[in-house]
Amino acid sequence: MKLLFISPRFSGGIGGHANMLYEQLTKYGLDVKKMEAPHIPIKNLKNPSFTIFSSLKGILNKESFDIVHGFNVPSAYAMKYTKAKKKVLSIHGVFSEQVNKLHSKPISSFAQSAESKVLTWPDKLTTDSKATQKFYKEKHNVDFEYLPSPLDTKMFEKISDVEKIPNQIAFVGRDSHEKGIDILKEAEPMINGTVVYCTNRSWKEAMHIIKSSSIVVVPSRMESLPTTVKEAFYLNVPVIGTNVGGIPELIKNNETGIIIPPENPQKLTQAINELLSNKEKSEKLARNGNTFVKNNMTWDIILPKYIKFYEDLLKN
């Protein structure tokens, strides 16, 4: 089986997932290549230049593949023009909503138009959350295959033992509106602990901070299936997250974590302070979260599903 992966970048978010999948499939013995194209920032917009250059690569590339797999909407154009028996597009989270939160109305309008068009191009669509799957079915009447993004648990072997810092609360993510960092900052003066913001740290440093913390907070306004929740689960740290996107697929309230409404610093403060004062509940949530991620979100569980997905696609 010969595959080509296309992504605006092979790090962070869906790009990081694409890179991990590439590595796992390569170790399995499949022939997988990555298409990379340059980015020319245009007022912080990198994807338009990627779309143009990667599309040219797809048109000019004479090599043919069994499957070409694009990750995120900007990759769809290169996916369309690349020679392949079958074509797959993965979208993590609702692309047009993400653009709408981050950019102007004209850009958002263009993104919505592009999104509805490219959804018709691939033979198969995949996403990592059931919430995204449901949204696209209801809005565009298209079917997405559910293939969650797992953790590379071997990476955690690099994370040494750390000493717990009492009442430390960790935030790991971009300093951006959709991640709700401003909500946590508004709540911070009322929290009976110290908040550490990991917005621009290496993965290893961020994991050390999570591991040393009492709680990880995910106050997002918009999410797909956040890796931070899975990482905290794996490191035995309880999580408080909002009931948006795919977060409730990971956090079952008062079972594997605590769910709160978005944009509510009062509820966030209450949940954090209650969990800081209840060690027994904190340990129970951490234990259950750890069991959940080990049973559902590792490559041992997910990789065979991807291989079967590709094999079945070529049979049809």
C-alpha atoms as a PDB file:
ATOM      1  CA  MET A   1       0.000   0.000   0.000  1.00  0.00           C
ATOM      2  CA  LYS A   2       1.425   3.350  -1.088  1.00  0.00           C
ATOM      3  CA  LEU A   3       0.161   6.475   0.661  1.00  0.00           C
ATOM      4  CA  LEU A   4       0.748  10.214   0.467  1.00  0.00           C
ATOM      5  CA  PHE A   5       0.000  12.493   3.426  1.00  0.00           C
ATOM      6  CA  ILE A   6      -0.655  16.201   2.831  1.00  0.00           C
ATOM      7  CA  SER A   7      -0.798  18.731   5.657  1.00  0.00           C
ATOM      8  CA  PRO A   8      -0.056  22.471   6.026  1.00  0.00           C
ATOM      9  CA  ARG A   9       2.351  21.444   8.780  1.00  0.00           C
ATOM     10  CA  PHE A  10       3.264  18.181  10.486  1.00  0.00           C
ATOM     11  CA  SER A  11       3.245  19.492  14.044  1.00  0.00           C
ATOM     12  CA  GLY A  12       0.625  20.578  16.550  1.00  0.00           C
ATOM     13  CA  GLY A  13      -3.089  19.761  16.343  1.00  0.00           C
ATOM     14  CA  ILE A  14      -4.182  17.796  13.309  1.00  0.00           C
ATOM     15  CA  GLY A  15      -0.699  18.189  11.776  1.00  0.00           C
ATOM     16  CA  GLY A  16       0.853  16.530  14.813  1.00  0.00           C
ATOM     17  CA  HIS A  17      -1.652  13.707  14.503  1.00  0.00           C
ATOM     18  CA  ALA A  18      -0.786  13.315  10.800  1.00  0.00           C
ATOM     19  CA  ASN A  19       2.905  13.066  11.672  1.00  0.00           C
ATOM     20  CA  MET A  20       2.300  10.459  14.394  1.00  0.00           C
ATOM     21  CA  LEU A  21       0.124   8.426  12.024  1.00  0.00           C
ATOM     22  CA  TYR A  22       2.860   8.653   9.374  1.00  0.00           C
ATOM     23  CA  GLU A  23       5.429   7.336  11.860  1.00  0.00           C
ATOM     24  CA  GLN A  24       3.179   4.517  13.077  1.00  0.00           C
ATOM     25  CA  LEU A  25       2.257   3.350   9.577  1.00  0.00           C
ATOM     26  CA  THR A  26       5.896   3.507   8.487  1.00  0.00           C
ATOM     27  CA  LYS A  27       6.920   1.346  11.465  1.00  0.00           C
ATOM     28  CA  TYR A  28       4.148  -1.068  10.496  1.00  0.00           C
ATOM     29  CA  GLY A  29       5.792  -1.403   7.079  1.00  0.00           C
ATOM     30  CA  LEU A  30       3.627   0.706   4.796  1.00  0.00           C
ATOM     31  CA  ASP A  31       5.093   2.997   2.150  1.00  0.00           C
ATOM     32  CA  VAL A  32       4.061   6.488   3.278  1.00  0.00           C
ATOM     33  CA  LYS A  33       5.326   9.822   1.975  1.00  0.00           C
ATOM     34  CA  LYS A  34       4.663  13.357   3.203  1.00  0.00           C
ATOM     35  CA  MET A  35       3.998  16.321   0.936  1.00  0.00           C
ATOM     36  CA  GLU A  36       5.238  19.576   2.385  1.00  0.00           C
ATOM     37  CA  ALA A  37       4.972  23.000   0.781  1.00  0.00           C
ATOM     38  CA  PRO A  38       6.242  26.462   1.766  1.00  0.00           C
ATOM     39  CA  HIS A  39       4.175  29.031   3.653  1.00  0.00           C
ATOM     40  CA  ILE A  40       4.310  32.715   2.862  1.00  0.00           C
ATOM     41  CA  PRO A  41       2.584  34.629   5.677  1.00  0.00           C
ATOM     42  CA  ILE A  42       0.012  37.120   4.432  1.00  0.00           C
ATOM     43  CA  LYS A  43      -1.096  39.114   7.492  1.00  0.00           C
ATOM     44  CA  ASN A  44      -0.701  35.945   9.567  1.00  0.00           C
ATOM     45  CA  LEU A  45      -2.549  33.865   6.972  1.00  0.00           C
ATOM     46  CA  LYS A  46      -0.294  30.958   6.040  1.00  0.00           C
ATOM     47  CA  ASN A  47      -2.800  28.482   4.592  1.00  0.00           C
ATOM     48  CA  PRO A  48      -3.573  30.332   1.296  1.00  0.00           C
ATOM     49  CA  SER A  49       0.059  30.124   0.163  1.00  0.00           C
ATOM     50  CA  PHE A  50       0.238  26.486   1.258  1.00  0.00           C
ATOM     51  CA  THR A  51      -2.892  25.723  -0.750  1.00  0.00           C
ATOM     52  CA  ILE A  52      -1.421  27.280  -3.895  1.00  0.00           C
ATOM     53  CA  PHE A  53       2.031  25.665  -3.659  1.00  0.00           C
ATOM     54  CA  SER A  54       0.769  22.236  -2.594  1.00  0.00           C
ATOM     55  CA  SER A  55      -1.829  22.252  -5.399  1.00  0.00           C
ATOM     56  CA  LEU A  56       0.951  22.946  -7.916  1.00  0.00           C
ATOM     57  CA  LYS A  57       2.913  20.057  -6.445  1.00  0.00           C
ATOM     58  CA  GLY A  58      -0.118  17.805  -6.824  1.00  0.00           C
ATOM     59  CA  ILE A  59      -0.647  18.841 -10.439  1.00  0.00           C
ATOM     60  CA  LEU A  60       3.031  18.477 -11.409  1.00  0.00           C
ATOM     61  CA  ASN A  61       3.713  15.273  -9.455  1.00  0.00           C
ATOM     62  CA  LYS A  62       3.698  12.346 -11.862  1.00  0.00           C
ATOM     63  CA  GLU A  63       3.878   9.762  -9.096  1.00  0.00           C
ATOM     64  CA  SER A  64       0.688   7.810  -8.419  1.00  0.00           C
ATOM     65  CA  PHE A  65      -0.481   6.525  -5.044  1.00  0.00           C
ATOM     66  CA  ASP A  66      -2.967   4.014  -3.728  1.00  0.00           C
ATOM     67  CA  ILE A  67      -4.332   6.569  -1.262  1.00  0.00           C
ATOM     68  CA  VAL A  68      -3.742  10.281  -0.829  1.00  0.00           C
ATOM     69  CA  HIS A  69      -4.772  11.539   2.609  1.00  0.00           C
ATOM     70  CA  GLY A  70      -5.208  15.266   3.200  1.00  0.00           C
ATOM     71  CA  PHE A  71      -5.362  16.728   6.687  1.00  0.00           C
ATOM     72  CA  ASN A  72      -7.574  19.814   7.082  1.00  0.00           C
ATOM     73  CA  VAL A  73      -9.413  21.802   4.407  1.00  0.00           C
ATOM     74  CA  PRO A  74      -6.363  23.652   2.929  1.00  0.00           C
ATOM     75  CA  SER A  75      -4.897  20.238   1.999  1.00  0.00           C
ATOM     76  CA  ALA A  76      -7.970  19.256  -0.004  1.00  0.00           C
ATOM     77  CA  TYR A  77      -6.855  21.086  -3.154  1.00  0.00           C
ATOM     78  CA  ALA A  78      -3.550  19.223  -3.405  1.00  0.00           C
ATOM     79  CA  MET A  79      -5.408  16.015  -2.515  1.00  0.00           C
ATOM     80  CA  LYS A  80      -7.800  16.624  -5.422  1.00  0.00           C
ATOM     81  CA  TYR A  81      -5.026  17.064  -7.994  1.00  0.00           C
ATOM     82  CA  THR A  82      -2.722  14.249  -6.823  1.00  0.00           C
ATOM     83  CA  LYS A  83      -2.968  10.993  -8.749  1.00  0.00           C
ATOM     84  CA  ALA A  84      -4.388   8.272  -6.487  1.00  0.00           C
ATOM     85  CA  LYS A  85      -6.877   5.416  -6.538  1.00  0.00           C
ATOM     86  CA  LYS A  86      -8.647   6.748  -3.446  1.00  0.00           C
ATOM     87  CA  LYS A  87      -8.718  10.077  -1.642  1.00  0.00           C
ATOM     88  CA  VAL A  88      -9.279  10.827   2.044  1.00  0.00           C
ATOM     89  CA  LEU A  89      -9.724  14.130   3.870  1.00  0.00           C
ATOM     90  CA  SER A  90      -9.545  14.492   7.666  1.00  0.00           C
ATOM     91  CA  ILE A  91     -11.004  17.467   9.518  1.00  0.00           C
ATOM     92  CA  HIS A  92     -10.595  17.813  13.288  1.00  0.00           C
ATOM     93  CA  GLY A  93     -13.150  20.285  14.595  1.00  0.00           C
ATOM     94  CA  VAL A  94     -15.432  22.389  12.401  1.00  0.00           C
ATOM     95  CA  PHE A  95     -13.126  24.236  10.012  1.00  0.00           C
ATOM     96  CA  SER A  96     -15.442  27.132   9.144  1.00  0.00           C
ATOM     97  CA  GLU A  97     -16.237  27.787  12.813  1.00  0.00           C
ATOM     98  CA  GLN A  98     -12.537  27.832  13.683  1.00  0.00           C
ATOM     99  CA  VAL A  99     -11.853  30.391  10.942  1.00  0.00           C
ATOM    100  CA  ASN A 100     -14.870  32.428  12.019  1.00  0.00           C
ATOM    101  CA  LYS A 101     -13.494  32.707  15.552  1.00  0.00           C
ATOM    102  CA  LEU A 102     -10.014  33.694  14.402  1.00  0.00           C
ATOM    103  CA  HIS A 103     -10.492  35.887  11.338  1.00  0.00           C
ATOM    104  CA  SER A 104     -12.670  38.532   9.687  1.00  0.00           C
ATOM    105  CA  LYS A 105     -16.112  38.020   8.147  1.00  0.00           C
ATOM    106  CA  PRO A 106     -14.866  38.042   4.511  1.00  0.00           C
ATOM    107  CA  ILE A 107     -12.281  35.352   5.306  1.00  0.00           C
ATOM    108  CA  SER A 108     -14.879  33.377   7.264  1.00  0.00           C
ATOM    109  CA  SER A 109     -17.332  33.578   4.359  1.00  0.00           C
ATOM    110  CA  PHE A 110     -14.655  32.327   1.955  1.00  0.00           C
ATOM    111  CA  ALA A 111     -13.785  29.471   4.346  1.00  0.00           C
ATOM    112  CA  GLN A 112     -17.417  28.351   4.535  1.00  0.00           C
ATOM    113  CA  SER A 113     -17.675  28.323   0.749  1.00  0.00           C
ATOM    114  CA  ALA A 114     -14.415  26.377   0.387  1.00  0.00           C
ATOM    115  CA  GLU A 115     -15.451  23.924   3.093  1.00  0.00           C
ATOM    116  CA  SER A 116     -18.776  23.012   1.480  1.00  0.00           C
ATOM    117  CA  LYS A 117     -17.024  22.512  -1.865  1.00  0.00           C
ATOM    118  CA  VAL A 118     -14.101  20.345  -0.725  1.00  0.00           C
ATOM    119  CA  LEU A 119     -16.336  18.030   1.306  1.00  0.00           C
ATOM    120  CA  THR A 120     -17.565  16.556  -1.989  1.00  0.00           C
ATOM    121  CA  TRP A 121     -14.098  15.704  -3.337  1.00  0.00           C
ATOM    122  CA  PRO A 122     -12.730  12.777  -1.280  1.00  0.00           C
ATOM    123  CA  ASP A 123     -13.902   9.181  -1.317  1.00  0.00           C
ATOM    124  CA  LYS A 124     -13.903   9.223   2.494  1.00  0.00           C
ATOM    125  CA  LEU A 125     -13.978  11.848   5.217  1.00  0.00           C
ATOM    126  CA  THR A 126     -12.672  11.257   8.731  1.00  0.00           C
ATOM    127  CA  THR A 127     -12.754  13.180  11.987  1.00  0.00           C
ATOM    128  CA  ASP A 128     -11.518  12.615  15.517  1.00  0.00           C
ATOM    129  CA  SER A 129     -14.691  13.532  17.421  1.00  0.00           C
ATOM    130  CA  LYS A 130     -18.309  12.416  17.333  1.00  0.00           C
ATOM    131  CA  ALA A 131     -19.393  16.024  17.888  1.00  0.00           C
ATOM    132  CA  THR A 132     -17.725  17.067  14.613  1.00  0.00           C
ATOM    133  CA  GLN A 133     -19.154  13.995  12.893  1.00  0.00           C
ATOM    134  CA  LYS A 134     -22.659  14.965  14.020  1.00  0.00           C
ATOM    135  CA  PHE A 135     -22.252  18.631  13.016  1.00  0.00           C
ATOM    136  CA  TYR A 136     -21.246  17.874   9.428  1.00  0.00           C
ATOM    137  CA  LYS A 137     -24.004  15.291   9.042  1.00  0.00           C
ATOM    138  CA  GLU A 138     -26.642  17.755  10.210  1.00  0.00           C
ATOM    139  CA  LYS A 139     -25.329  20.814   8.342  1.00  0.00           C
ATOM    140  CA  HIS A 140     -23.937  19.333   5.120  1.00  0.00           C
ATOM    141  CA  ASN A 141     -25.459  15.823   5.097  1.00  0.00           C
ATOM    142  CA  VAL A 142     -22.041  14.224   4.682  1.00  0.00           C
ATOM    143  CA  ASP A 143     -20.763  11.160   6.497  1.00  0.00           C
ATOM    144  CA  PHE A 144     -17.510  11.194   8.418  1.00  0.00           C
ATOM    145  CA  GLU A 145     -15.680   8.117   9.661  1.00  0.00           C
ATOM    146  CA  TYR A 146     -14.834   8.429  13.360  1.00  0.00           C
ATOM    147  CA  LEU A 147     -11.106   7.816  13.908  1.00  0.00           C
ATOM    148  CA  PRO A 148      -9.860   9.479  17.112  1.00  0.00           C
ATOM    149  CA  SER A 149      -6.344  10.828  17.518  1.00  0.00           C
ATOM    150  CA  PRO A 150      -4.478   8.733  20.107  1.00  0.00           C
ATOM    151  CA  LEU A 151      -1.459   9.357  22.314  1.00  0.00           C
ATOM    152  CA  ASP A 152       2.030   8.105  21.581  1.00  0.00           C
ATOM    153  CA  THR A 153       2.513   6.646  25.051  1.00  0.00           C
ATOM    154  CA  LYS A 154       6.193   5.874  24.412  1.00  0.00           C
ATOM    155  CA  MET A 155       6.855   9.617  24.390  1.00  0.00           C
ATOM    156  CA  PHE A 156       5.967   9.711  28.077  1.00  0.00           C
ATOM    157  CA  GLU A 157       8.996   7.567  28.893  1.00  0.00           C
ATOM    158  CA  LYS A 158      10.958  10.827  28.508  1.00  0.00           C
ATOM    159  CA  ILE A 159       8.981  12.413  31.344  1.00  0.00           C
ATOM    160  CA  SER A 160      10.820  11.819  34.607  1.00  0.00           C
ATOM    161  CA  ASP A 161       9.281  11.720  38.067  1.00  0.00           C
ATOM    162  CA  VAL A 162       8.432  15.151  39.424  1.00  0.00           C
ATOM    163  CA  GLU A 163       7.441  16.459  42.807  1.00  0.00           C
ATOM    164  CA  LYS A 164       3.825  17.530  43.127  1.00  0.00           C
ATOM    165  CA  ILE A 165       3.377  21.246  43.759  1.00  0.00           C
ATOM    166  CA  PRO A 166       0.389  21.740  46.090  1.00  0.00           C
ATOM    167  CA  ASN A 167      -2.596  23.564  44.564  1.00  0.00           C
ATOM    168  CA  GLN A 168      -0.930  24.124  41.200  1.00  0.00           C
ATOM    169  CA  ILE A 169      -3.317  24.455  38.258  1.00  0.00           C
ATOM    170  CA  ALA A 170      -2.037  24.041  34.696  1.00  0.00           C
ATOM    171  CA  PHE A 171      -3.284  25.509  31.432  1.00  0.00           C
ATOM    172  CA  VAL A 172      -1.727  24.031  28.289  1.00  0.00           C
ATOM    173  CA  GLY A 173      -2.617  25.503  24.913  1.00  0.00           C
ATOM    174  CA  ARG A 174      -2.461  28.505  22.631  1.00  0.00           C
ATOM    175  CA  ASP A 175      -2.975  31.992  24.021  1.00  0.00           C
ATOM    176  CA  SER A 176      -6.064  32.477  21.876  1.00  0.00           C
ATOM    177  CA  HIS A 177      -9.736  33.334  22.164  1.00  0.00           C
ATOM    178  CA  GLU A 178     -11.072  29.879  21.296  1.00  0.00           C
ATOM    179  CA  LYS A 179      -8.979  28.278  24.053  1.00  0.00           C
ATOM    180  CA  GLY A 180     -10.690  30.457  26.696  1.00  0.00           C
ATOM    181  CA  ILE A 181      -7.478  31.538  28.384  1.00  0.00           C
ATOM    182  CA  ASP A 182      -9.091  34.895  29.180  1.00  0.00           C
ATOM    183  CA  ILE A 183     -11.812  33.084  31.172  1.00  0.00           C
ATOM    184  CA  LEU A 184      -9.193  31.404  33.337  1.00  0.00           C
ATOM    185  CA  LYS A 185      -7.362  34.701  33.838  1.00  0.00           C
ATOM    186  CA  GLU A 186     -10.615  36.331  34.942  1.00  0.00           C
ATOM    187  CA  ALA A 187     -11.165  33.519  37.454  1.00  0.00           C
ATOM    188  CA  GLU A 188      -7.553  33.440  38.652  1.00  0.00           C
ATOM    189  CA  PRO A 189      -7.838  35.977  41.537  1.00  0.00           C
ATOM    190  CA  MET A 190     -10.602  33.838  43.085  1.00  0.00           C
ATOM    191  CA  ILE A 191      -8.739  30.519  42.808  1.00  0.00           C
ATOM    192  CA  ASN A 192      -7.194  28.992  45.940  1.00  0.00           C
ATOM    193  CA  GLY A 193      -4.026  28.039  44.129  1.00  0.00           C
ATOM    194  CA  THR A 194      -1.426  29.065  41.557  1.00  0.00           C
ATOM    195  CA  VAL A 195      -2.094  28.932  37.822  1.00  0.00           C
ATOM    196  CA  VAL A 196       0.774  28.074  35.474  1.00  0.00           C
ATOM    197  CA  TYR A 197       0.226  28.959  31.814  1.00  0.00           C
ATOM    198  CA  CYS A 198       1.949  26.732  29.265  1.00  0.00           C
ATOM    199  CA  THR A 199       1.372  28.676  26.067  1.00  0.00           C
ATOM    200  CA  ASN A 200       4.843  28.657  24.572  1.00  0.00           C
ATOM    201  CA  ARG A 201       6.788  25.788  26.089  1.00  0.00           C
ATOM    202  CA  SER A 202       8.253  22.595  24.689  1.00  0.00           C
ATOM    203  CA  TRP A 203       6.117  19.482  24.888  1.00  0.00           C
ATOM    204  CA  LYS A 204       8.447  17.933  27.446  1.00  0.00           C
ATOM    205  CA  GLU A 205       8.375  20.998  29.691  1.00  0.00           C
ATOM    206  CA  ALA A 206       4.584  21.224  29.449  1.00  0.00           C
ATOM    207  CA  MET A 207       4.240  17.559  30.423  1.00  0.00           C
ATOM    208  CA  HIS A 208       6.467  18.104  33.470  1.00  0.00           C
ATOM    209  CA  ILE A 209       4.216  20.972  34.529  1.00  0.00           C
ATOM    210  CA  ILE A 210       1.071  18.889  34.033  1.00  0.00           C
ATOM    211  CA  LYS A 211       2.561  16.035  36.032  1.00  0.00           C
ATOM    212  CA  SER A 212       3.491  18.340  38.909  1.00  0.00           C
ATOM    213  CA  SER A 213       0.028  19.944  38.996  1.00  0.00           C
ATOM    214  CA  SER A 214      -3.108  19.189  40.996  1.00  0.00           C
ATOM    215  CA  ILE A 215      -5.505  20.037  38.148  1.00  0.00           C
ATOM    216  CA  VAL A 216      -5.418  20.710  34.411  1.00  0.00           C
ATOM    217  CA  VAL A 217      -7.986  23.235  33.159  1.00  0.00           C
ATOM    218  CA  VAL A 218      -9.380  23.296  29.597  1.00  0.00           C
ATOM    219  CA  PRO A 219     -11.692  26.364  29.506  1.00  0.00           C
ATOM    220  CA  SER A 220     -12.190  26.297  25.728  1.00  0.00           C
ATOM    221  CA  ARG A 221     -14.945  27.950  23.730  1.00  0.00           C
ATOM    222  CA  MET A 222     -14.304  25.545  20.841  1.00  0.00           C
ATOM    223  CA  GLU A 223     -12.521  22.185  20.602  1.00  0.00           C
ATOM    224  CA  SER A 224     -12.351  18.930  18.720  1.00  0.00           C
ATOM    225  CA  LEU A 225     -10.849  16.151  20.867  1.00  0.00           C
ATOM    226  CA  PRO A 226      -8.147  17.997  22.840  1.00  0.00           C
ATOM    227  CA  THR A 227      -4.845  16.215  23.271  1.00  0.00           C
ATOM    228  CA  THR A 228      -4.214  18.080  26.538  1.00  0.00           C
ATOM    229  CA  VAL A 229      -7.072  16.192  28.206  1.00  0.00           C
ATOM    230  CA  LYS A 230      -5.665  12.853  27.067  1.00  0.00           C
ATOM    231  CA  GLU A 231      -2.165  13.811  28.221  1.00  0.00           C
ATOM    232  CA  ALA A 232      -3.410  14.843  31.661  1.00  0.00           C
ATOM    233  CA  PHE A 233      -5.373  11.595  31.945  1.00  0.00           C
ATOM    234  CA  TYR A 234      -2.263   9.598  31.080  1.00  0.00           C
ATOM    235  CA  LEU A 235      -0.250  11.512  33.694  1.00  0.00           C
ATOM    236  CA  ASN A 236      -2.889  10.857  36.377  1.00  0.00           C
ATOM    237  CA  VAL A 237      -3.975  14.481  36.735  1.00  0.00           C
ATOM    238  CA  PRO A 238      -7.707  15.346  36.964  1.00  0.00           C
ATOM    239  CA  VAL A 239      -9.175  17.666  34.349  1.00  0.00           C
ATOM    240  CA  ILE A 240     -11.833  20.377  34.400  1.00  0.00           C
ATOM    241  CA  GLY A 241     -13.133  21.152  30.913  1.00  0.00           C
ATOM    242  CA  THR A 242     -16.018  22.868  29.178  1.00  0.00           C
ATOM    243  CA  ASN A 243     -18.913  21.072  27.515  1.00  0.00           C
ATOM    244  CA  VAL A 244     -17.934  22.080  23.971  1.00  0.00           C
ATOM    245  CA  GLY A 245     -16.930  20.028  20.931  1.00  0.00           C
ATOM    246  CA  GLY A 246     -15.499  16.608  21.742  1.00  0.00           C
ATOM    247  CA  ILE A 247     -14.511  17.391  25.358  1.00  0.00           C
ATOM    248  CA  PRO A 248     -17.562  15.543  26.798  1.00  0.00           C
ATOM    249  CA  GLU A 249     -16.482  12.473  24.799  1.00  0.00           C
ATOM    250  CA  LEU A 250     -13.416  12.336  27.047  1.00  0.00           C
ATOM    251  CA  ILE A 251     -14.710  13.867  30.268  1.00  0.00           C
ATOM    252  CA  LYS A 252     -17.729  12.196  31.811  1.00  0.00           C
ATOM    253  CA  ASN A 253     -18.828  14.607  34.525  1.00  0.00           C
ATOM    254  CA  ASN A 254     -17.754  13.523  38.022  1.00  0.00           C
ATOM    255  CA  GLU A 255     -16.467  10.260  36.542  1.00  0.00           C
ATOM    256  CA  THR A 256     -13.363  10.965  34.435  1.00  0.00           C
ATOM    257  CA  GLY A 257     -13.287  14.708  35.147  1.00  0.00           C
ATOM    258  CA  ILE A 258     -15.487  17.730  35.710  1.00  0.00           C
ATOM    259  CA  ILE A 259     -17.541  19.441  33.008  1.00  0.00           C
ATOM    260  CA  ILE A 260     -18.534  23.109  33.247  1.00  0.00           C
ATOM    261  CA  PRO A 261     -20.218  25.551  30.838  1.00  0.00           C
ATOM    262  CA  PRO A 262     -17.936  27.742  28.678  1.00  0.00           C
ATOM    263  CA  GLU A 263     -17.436  31.458  29.292  1.00  0.00           C
ATOM    264  CA  ASN A 264     -18.265  31.135  32.982  1.00  0.00           C
ATOM    265  CA  PRO A 265     -15.396  32.170  35.299  1.00  0.00           C
ATOM    266  CA  GLN A 266     -17.591  31.707  38.384  1.00  0.00           C
ATOM    267  CA  LYS A 267     -18.365  28.053  37.595  1.00  0.00           C
ATOM    268  CA  LEU A 268     -14.721  27.497  36.700  1.00  0.00           C
ATOM    269  CA  THR A 269     -13.562  28.975  40.017  1.00  0.00           C
ATOM    270  CA  GLN A 270     -16.052  26.873  41.953  1.00  0.00           C
ATOM    271  CA  ALA A 271     -15.023  23.643  40.219  1.00  0.00           C
ATOM    272  CA  ILE A 272     -11.306  24.280  40.750  1.00  0.00           C
ATOM    273  CA  ASN A 273     -11.639  25.212  44.431  1.00  0.00           C
ATOM    274  CA  GLU A 274     -13.913  22.270  45.180  1.00  0.00           C
ATOM    275  CA  LEU A 275     -11.528  19.805  43.549  1.00  0.00           C
ATOM    276  CA  LEU A 276      -8.495  21.303  45.301  1.00  0.00           C
ATOM    277  CA  SER A 277     -10.205  20.738  48.638  1.00  0.00           C
ATOM    278  CA  ASN A 278     -11.410  17.191  47.881  1.00  0.00           C
ATOM    279  CA  LYS A 279      -8.379  14.941  47.554  1.00  0.00           C
ATOM    280  CA  GLU A 280     -10.421  11.732  47.456  1.00  0.00           C
ATOM    281  CA  LYS A 281     -12.512  12.926  44.501  1.00  0.00           C
ATOM    282  CA  SER A 282      -9.413  14.277  42.752  1.00  0.00           C
ATOM    283  CA  GLU A 283      -7.674  10.897  43.001  1.00  0.00           C
ATOM    284  CA  LYS A 284     -10.796   9.069  41.781  1.00  0.00           C
ATOM    285  CA  LEU A 285     -11.131  11.284  38.695  1.00  0.00           C
ATOM    286  CA  ALA A 286      -7.425  10.952  37.900  1.00  0.00           C
ATOM    287  CA  ARG A 287      -7.589   7.176  38.225  1.00  0.00           C
ATOM    288  CA  ASN A 288     -10.674   6.870  36.016  1.00  0.00           C
ATOM    289  CA  GLY A 289      -9.250   9.218  33.395  1.00  0.00           C
ATOM    290  CA  ASN A 290      -6.044   7.208  33.260  1.00  0.00           C
ATOM    291  CA  THR A 291      -7.971   3.965  32.753  1.00  0.00           C
ATOM    292  CA  PHE A 292     -10.107   5.559  30.030  1.00  0.00           C
ATOM    293  CA  VAL A 293      -7.197   6.852  27.961  1.00  0.00           C
ATOM    294  CA  LYS A 294      -5.222   3.591  28.233  1.00  0.00           C
ATOM    295  CA  ASN A 295      -8.262   1.570  27.145  1.00  0.00           C
ATOM    296  CA  ASN A 296      -9.356   3.835  24.295  1.00  0.00           C
ATOM    297  CA  MET A 297      -6.756   6.354  23.136  1.00  0.00           C
ATOM    298  CA  THR A 298      -3.426   4.629  22.432  1.00  0.00           C
ATOM    299  CA  TRP A 299      -1.878   3.614  19.113  1.00  0.00           C
ATOM    300  CA  ASP A 300      -2.226  -0.060  20.072  1.00  0.00           C
ATOM    301  CA  ILE A 301      -5.991   0.516  19.952  1.00  0.00           C
ATOM    302  CA  ILE A 302      -6.280   3.016  17.084  1.00  0.00           C
ATOM    303  CA  LEU A 303      -3.619   1.967  14.546  1.00  0.00           C
ATOM    304  CA  PRO A 304      -5.392  -1.311  13.576  1.00  0.00           C
ATOM    305  CA  LYS A 305      -8.533   0.759  12.912  1.00  0.00           C
ATOM    306  CA  TYR A 306      -6.621   2.999  10.499  1.00  0.00           C
ATOM    307  CA  ILE A 307      -5.072   0.043   8.681  1.00  0.00           C
ATOM    308  CA  LYS A 308      -8.476  -1.609   8.292  1.00  0.00           C
ATOM    309  CA  PHE A 309      -9.932   1.722   7.139  1.00  0.00           C
ATOM    310  CA  TYR A 310      -7.325   2.010   4.357  1.00  0.00           C
ATOM    311  CA  GLU A 311      -7.603  -1.655   3.359  1.00  0.00           C
ATOM    312  CA  ASP A 312     -11.416  -1.507   3.171  1.00  0.00           C
ATOM    313  CA  LEU A 313     -11.242   1.723   1.157  1.00  0.00           C
ATOM    314  CA  LEU A 314      -9.087   0.071  -1.522  1.00  0.00           C
ATOM    315  CA  LYS A 315     -11.430  -2.911  -1.723  1.00  0.00           C
ATOM    316  CA  ASN A 316     -14.407  -0.735  -2.694  1.00  0.00           C
END
